[in-house]
Protein backbone atom coordinates (compact mmCIF):
# COMPACT_ATOMS: atom_id res chain seq x y z
CA MET A 1 69.76 44.22 102.79
CA ALA A 2 72.26 41.49 101.93
CA HIS A 3 74.81 42.31 99.22
CA ILE A 4 74.17 39.86 96.37
CA ILE A 5 77.19 38.47 94.49
CA VAL A 6 76.33 36.56 91.33
CA VAL A 7 78.94 34.38 89.62
CA GLY A 8 77.71 33.92 86.08
CA ASN A 9 78.27 33.53 82.40
CA GLU A 10 76.69 31.31 79.76
CA LYS A 11 79.58 28.89 79.27
CA GLY A 12 80.62 25.87 81.28
CA GLY A 13 84.12 25.04 82.43
CA SER A 14 85.21 28.55 83.40
CA GLY A 15 85.57 27.86 87.13
CA LYS A 16 82.36 29.47 88.39
CA SER A 17 81.81 26.99 91.24
CA THR A 18 85.44 27.24 92.40
CA VAL A 19 85.18 31.03 92.45
CA SER A 20 81.79 30.89 94.24
CA MET A 21 83.13 28.60 96.97
CA HIS A 22 86.34 30.52 97.58
CA VAL A 23 84.62 33.91 97.64
CA SER A 24 81.91 32.68 100.02
CA VAL A 25 84.39 30.99 102.39
CA ALA A 26 86.67 34.03 102.30
CA LEU A 27 83.74 36.22 103.35
CA ALA A 28 82.76 33.76 106.10
CA ARG A 29 86.34 33.77 107.40
CA MET A 30 86.18 37.56 107.58
CA GLY A 31 83.27 37.27 110.01
CA GLN A 32 80.51 37.91 107.47
CA ARG A 33 77.23 36.00 107.51
CA VAL A 34 77.16 34.33 104.09
CA GLY A 35 74.29 32.67 102.26
CA ALA A 36 74.77 30.53 99.16
CA MET A 37 72.57 29.45 96.26
CA ASP A 38 73.23 27.17 93.29
CA LEU A 39 71.00 27.73 90.26
CA ASP A 40 72.48 24.89 88.21
CA VAL A 41 69.69 22.56 89.27
CA ARG A 42 71.16 19.59 87.36
CA GLN A 43 74.84 19.67 88.32
CA LEU A 44 74.66 21.57 91.64
CA SER A 45 78.48 21.74 91.79
CA PHE A 46 78.49 24.64 94.25
CA GLY A 47 75.86 22.97 96.41
CA ARG A 48 77.79 19.70 96.39
CA TYR A 49 80.98 21.57 97.29
CA ILE A 50 79.27 22.94 100.42
CA GLU A 51 77.76 19.53 101.20
CA ASN A 52 81.24 17.95 100.94
CA ARG A 53 82.51 20.59 103.37
CA ARG A 54 79.81 19.87 105.92
CA ASN A 55 80.49 16.13 105.69
CA TRP A 56 84.23 16.68 106.14
CA VAL A 57 83.63 18.89 109.19
CA LYS A 58 81.47 16.13 110.72
CA ARG A 59 84.04 13.42 110.10
CA SER A 60 87.08 15.42 111.18
CA GLY A 61 85.61 17.35 114.08
CA VAL A 62 87.37 20.49 112.80
CA ASP A 63 85.01 23.46 112.73
CA LEU A 64 85.38 25.50 109.54
CA PRO A 65 83.46 28.66 108.56
CA THR A 66 80.81 27.49 106.11
CA PRO A 67 78.25 29.45 104.09
CA ARG A 68 74.60 28.68 104.68
CA PHE A 69 73.27 26.87 101.63
CA GLN A 70 69.70 27.65 100.59
CA PRO A 71 68.09 25.28 98.05
CA LEU A 72 65.28 26.54 95.86
CA PRO A 73 61.89 25.72 97.40
CA ASP A 74 59.96 22.94 95.73
CA ALA A 75 57.70 24.02 92.87
CA ALA A 76 54.83 22.15 94.52
CA ASP A 77 54.90 24.66 97.38
CA PHE A 78 53.50 27.34 95.05
CA ASP A 79 50.05 27.51 93.54
CA ILE A 80 51.46 28.83 90.27
CA PRO A 81 51.55 27.03 86.88
CA GLU A 82 54.90 26.06 85.37
CA GLY A 83 56.56 29.03 83.69
CA PRO A 84 58.52 32.24 84.36
CA GLN A 85 56.28 33.34 87.24
CA LEU A 86 56.91 30.09 89.09
CA HIS A 87 60.69 30.39 88.66
CA ASP A 88 60.56 33.99 89.88
CA ALA A 89 58.49 33.01 92.92
CA ARG A 90 60.89 30.21 93.91
CA MET A 91 63.89 32.49 93.47
CA GLY A 92 62.30 35.33 95.40
CA ALA A 93 61.38 33.05 98.29
CA ALA A 94 64.91 31.65 98.55
CA LEU A 95 66.44 35.13 98.54
CA GLU A 96 63.98 36.33 101.16
CA ALA A 97 64.89 33.39 103.41
CA LEU A 98 68.59 34.27 103.22
CA SER A 99 68.32 38.06 103.33
CA ALA A 100 66.87 38.01 106.85
CA ASP A 101 70.17 37.04 108.48
CA CYS A 102 72.94 37.24 105.85
CA ASP A 103 75.37 40.05 105.01
CA TYR A 104 76.27 38.53 101.64
CA ILE A 105 74.56 36.06 99.32
CA VAL A 106 76.72 34.27 96.73
CA ILE A 107 74.79 32.80 93.78
CA ASP A 108 76.37 30.36 91.32
CA CYS A 109 74.66 30.36 87.91
CA PRO A 110 74.59 27.57 85.31
CA GLY A 111 76.65 27.75 82.13
CA SER A 112 73.53 28.39 80.05
CA TYR A 113 70.65 30.82 79.81
CA THR A 114 67.79 30.08 82.20
CA ARG A 115 65.02 32.16 83.76
CA LEU A 116 66.62 31.64 87.19
CA SER A 117 69.95 32.96 85.90
CA GLN A 118 68.23 35.96 84.32
CA TYR A 119 66.53 36.71 87.65
CA ALA A 120 69.85 36.44 89.52
CA HIS A 121 71.57 38.86 87.15
CA SER A 122 68.76 41.37 87.62
CA VAL A 123 69.21 41.45 91.42
CA ALA A 124 73.03 41.24 91.51
CA ASP A 125 74.92 44.01 93.29
CA THR A 126 78.23 42.50 92.16
CA LEU A 127 78.52 40.29 89.07
CA ILE A 128 81.61 38.11 88.66
CA THR A 129 82.11 36.65 85.18
CA PRO A 130 85.00 34.17 85.00
CA ILE A 131 86.32 33.45 81.52
CA ASN A 132 89.15 31.24 80.36
CA ASP A 133 91.97 33.07 78.65
CA SER A 134 91.01 32.43 75.03
CA PHE A 135 89.03 33.99 72.22
CA ILE A 136 86.54 31.13 72.54
CA ASP A 137 85.51 32.51 75.92
CA PHE A 138 85.94 36.10 74.75
CA ASP A 139 83.12 35.36 72.32
CA LEU A 140 80.87 35.10 75.39
CA LEU A 141 81.26 38.86 75.81
CA ALA A 142 81.50 40.21 72.27
CA ARG A 143 81.65 39.43 68.58
CA THR A 144 84.93 40.30 66.86
CA ASP A 145 86.23 40.62 63.31
CA PRO A 146 88.20 37.41 62.59
CA GLU A 147 90.79 39.29 60.53
CA THR A 148 91.42 42.45 62.55
CA GLY A 149 90.23 41.40 66.02
CA GLU A 150 88.12 44.56 66.18
CA VAL A 151 85.13 44.40 68.53
CA LEU A 152 81.99 44.45 66.38
CA SER A 153 79.17 44.14 68.88
CA PRO A 154 78.33 42.93 72.39
CA SER A 155 77.24 39.30 72.76
CA ILE A 156 73.80 38.08 73.83
CA TYR A 157 75.17 37.62 77.35
CA SER A 158 76.50 41.19 77.51
CA GLU A 159 73.13 42.43 76.31
CA MET A 160 71.44 40.49 79.14
CA VAL A 161 73.75 42.20 81.64
CA TRP A 162 72.91 45.56 80.07
CA LYS A 163 69.19 44.86 80.50
CA ALA A 164 69.82 43.86 84.12
CA ARG A 165 71.53 47.21 84.63
CA GLN A 166 68.54 49.02 83.16
CA THR A 167 66.18 47.09 85.44
CA ARG A 168 68.24 48.06 88.50
CA ALA A 169 68.31 51.71 87.45
CA GLN A 170 64.53 51.77 86.98
CA ALA A 171 64.10 50.26 90.44
CA GLY A 172 66.35 52.92 91.98
CA LEU A 173 69.01 50.41 93.03
CA ARG A 174 72.75 51.09 93.11
CA PRO A 175 74.65 50.46 89.85
CA LEU A 176 75.81 46.93 89.10
CA ASN A 177 79.49 46.29 89.81
CA TRP A 178 80.56 43.96 86.96
CA VAL A 179 83.95 42.25 87.26
CA VAL A 180 85.36 39.94 84.56
CA LEU A 181 87.99 37.45 85.75
CA ARG A 182 90.70 36.11 83.47
CA ASN A 183 90.52 32.66 85.02
CA ARG A 184 92.52 29.42 84.65
CA MET A 185 95.45 31.22 83.06
CA GLY A 186 98.30 28.90 82.04
CA THR A 187 101.95 29.64 81.41
CA THR A 188 101.99 29.06 77.65
CA ALA A 189 100.85 30.91 74.53
CA MET A 190 101.98 34.34 75.75
CA HIS A 191 101.23 35.94 72.39
CA ASN A 192 97.61 34.81 72.56
CA LYS A 193 97.35 36.06 76.16
CA ARG A 194 98.44 39.52 75.12
CA LYS A 195 95.92 39.58 72.28
CA VAL A 196 93.08 38.45 74.55
CA GLY A 197 94.19 40.94 77.22
CA ASP A 198 94.27 43.85 74.76
CA ALA A 199 90.83 42.94 73.39
CA LEU A 200 89.38 42.71 76.92
CA GLU A 201 90.77 46.14 77.82
CA VAL A 202 89.06 47.67 74.79
CA LEU A 203 85.81 45.84 75.50
CA SER A 204 85.80 46.76 79.20
CA ARG A 205 85.68 50.44 78.30
CA ARG A 206 82.98 49.86 75.69
CA ILE A 207 80.46 47.82 77.69
CA GLY A 208 81.40 48.76 81.23
CA PHE A 209 83.11 46.05 83.27
CA ARG A 210 86.29 45.95 85.31
CA LEU A 211 89.03 43.38 84.69
CA ALA A 212 90.50 41.41 87.58
CA PRO A 213 92.94 38.51 87.81
CA GLY A 214 91.34 35.16 88.64
CA PHE A 215 92.91 31.81 89.51
CA SER A 216 95.70 30.16 87.58
CA GLU A 217 95.25 26.58 86.43
CA ARG A 218 96.27 24.47 89.45
CA VAL A 219 95.77 20.81 90.38
CA VAL A 220 95.04 21.81 93.99
CA PHE A 221 91.54 23.05 93.09
CA ARG A 222 90.50 19.61 91.82
CA GLU A 223 91.96 17.98 94.94
CA LEU A 224 90.06 20.24 97.35
CA PHE A 225 86.55 19.68 95.99
CA PRO A 226 85.89 16.13 97.36
CA LYS A 227 86.57 17.34 100.92
CA GLY A 228 84.82 20.65 100.45
CA LEU A 229 87.99 22.53 101.38
CA THR A 230 89.40 25.79 100.05
CA LEU A 231 92.85 27.29 99.87
CA LEU A 232 92.11 29.22 103.04
CA ASP A 233 91.61 26.03 105.06
CA LEU A 234 94.96 24.37 104.36
CA ARG A 235 97.04 26.32 106.85
CA ASP A 236 94.57 25.69 109.69
CA LEU A 237 94.45 21.95 109.07
CA GLY A 238 98.19 21.43 109.27
CA SER A 239 97.90 17.98 107.71
CA GLU A 240 99.91 18.84 104.62
CA PRO A 241 102.77 21.31 104.14
CA MET A 242 101.93 24.51 102.28
CA THR A 243 103.69 24.50 98.92
CA MET A 244 104.74 27.55 96.94
CA SER A 245 101.83 26.82 94.60
CA HIS A 246 99.42 26.97 97.56
CA VAL A 247 100.92 30.26 98.75
CA ALA A 248 100.68 31.77 95.27
CA ALA A 249 97.07 30.60 94.92
CA ARG A 250 96.13 32.16 98.29
CA GLN A 251 97.62 35.44 97.11
CA GLU A 252 95.50 35.21 93.95
CA LEU A 253 92.44 34.88 96.17
CA ARG A 254 93.46 37.92 98.24
CA ASP A 255 93.95 39.90 95.04
CA LEU A 256 90.53 38.81 93.80
CA MET A 257 88.77 39.79 97.04
CA GLY A 258 90.43 43.20 96.90
CA ALA A 259 89.52 43.68 93.23
CA LEU A 260 85.83 43.06 93.94
CA GLU A 261 85.70 46.29 95.97
CA LEU A 262 82.87 45.02 98.15
CA PRO A 263 81.35 47.73 100.35
CA ASP A 264 82.47 48.15 103.97
CA LEU A 265 84.74 45.08 103.86
CA GLN A 266 88.18 44.89 105.43
CA ILE A 267 90.18 42.27 103.50
CA SER A 268 91.80 39.91 106.02
CA VAL A 269 92.16 36.50 104.33
């Protein structure tokens, strides 16, 4: 069976699509057969990223490893009334289509609660939750005391992940590997970073996730999207010199791939 990697939280602007694209391309460059799904049916940022990549490959004639994008089948293809069962059927059909010939499936979830996102979390083998380095995003994971910073209770999102874990256990599946990324980290407000970092360490032990470094805030990510390119493509293209920022960003990606601890994978990006 394909190993399913879900990139999800319930907040926009945390870099989910950037993480999804770079993880999927990194896997493809390591010789893995990679499927991709985008459950944000309105924005489709991940899907558009892959579409931009295909268009760039056509125009340039440069062959780049590209994940296979699988759209959700049309609701009209199912004789099921609108509702949760229809969403589940569409999701199940898309996963079945990819599982036949993929080693990994990367699923990008919307920044809100949907039935499709709930389904994806329930079937995830690895869950990646990117959060920006602030207590606004920390609130996605847990409620805290505003005076002491003490963790009071898990958030609604954390409870959803807990239920997904229970569902997997009841189905006899392997435990969910949950990784929280401290993403888009800047170079300022060091005191706040330490406070967020300390709170995340406490919370990780309480609700059961691992912390991993994500991507720093870099202009290069916004520049790559229109062409569908990733950090891993720049050296091969040779059109622009690699800057120190590019080199540092590539190392962040290597560190991320290693931190995911994906099964039977030799990191070579």
